[in-house]
Amino acid sequence: MGDETNDAGGEPIRVLVVDDQELFRRGLTMLLGIEPGIEVVGEAGDGVEGTSLAETAAPDVVLLDIRMPKRSGIEACLAIKEAVPSAKIIMLTVSDEEADLYEAVKSGAAGYLLKDSSIEEVAQAVRVVADGQSLISPSMAVKLIDEFKQMSRPERDHVPGLRLTERELEVLRLVARGMNNREIAKELFISENTVKNHVRNILEKLQLHSRMEAVMYAVKEKLLELP
């Protein structure tokens, strides 16, 4: 893997692991610690400790168990997002059927990982969300988008699509098809950095926080044709 630390080739991705199962938590911490470009900056055994540790350690990514004592994963997700808005949260779960996962994603989690994932999958997930992308299965995306479509916001003081350029709309359509930055770059014959800039501009213009929110907004405002 050589010099593949992270995209910027600079600082490692700072990760916090929050899980009440000590063996699982220690194992994850140890294995992630030897991954290139990733640094584990702390571990906690419950949501309360996890939240206060997040405030002091300022992690880029938090791996957070959805089932924990003292504070549920959802409560911890909300509290950590409030304490460290820039942190990306990945929920750890034994099953992707859990109703809580849906709530977690709506509460600001970047997605979820099954606990039986390989360490390569966990490391890849950390890199993906640190890069501003989501980890959400197509079925959950559809569920979220459906719910978003049904929400009727009373405030109509914004123009759909705001000042999105043609190119930004094009990027948004590809994001909505579940493509990552690299795939979008290949599709549009532009650099990955340019794609990142477009995504950042889209989020800023629409005052949104994640790619998932941008897709839901776009569906709601009929900015793209989804099947």
Foldseek 3Di string as FASTA:
>chain_A
DPQPQADVSDAAAEEEEEAQPVVLRVVLQVLQCPDHRYHHQYYYNALVVSQVVCLVSVGQEYEFEQPHPPAGSQRSLLSNCVSRVNHAYEYEAQDPVDPVQLSNVVSHHLYYDYSVDDSVVVNVQSNQVSLQHGDYDPVSLVVVLVVLLPDDDPDPPADQVHPQDPVLLVLLQVVLVVDGLVVVCVVVVHDSVVSSVSVVVLCVRVVHDGSSVSNSSCVNSVSDDDD
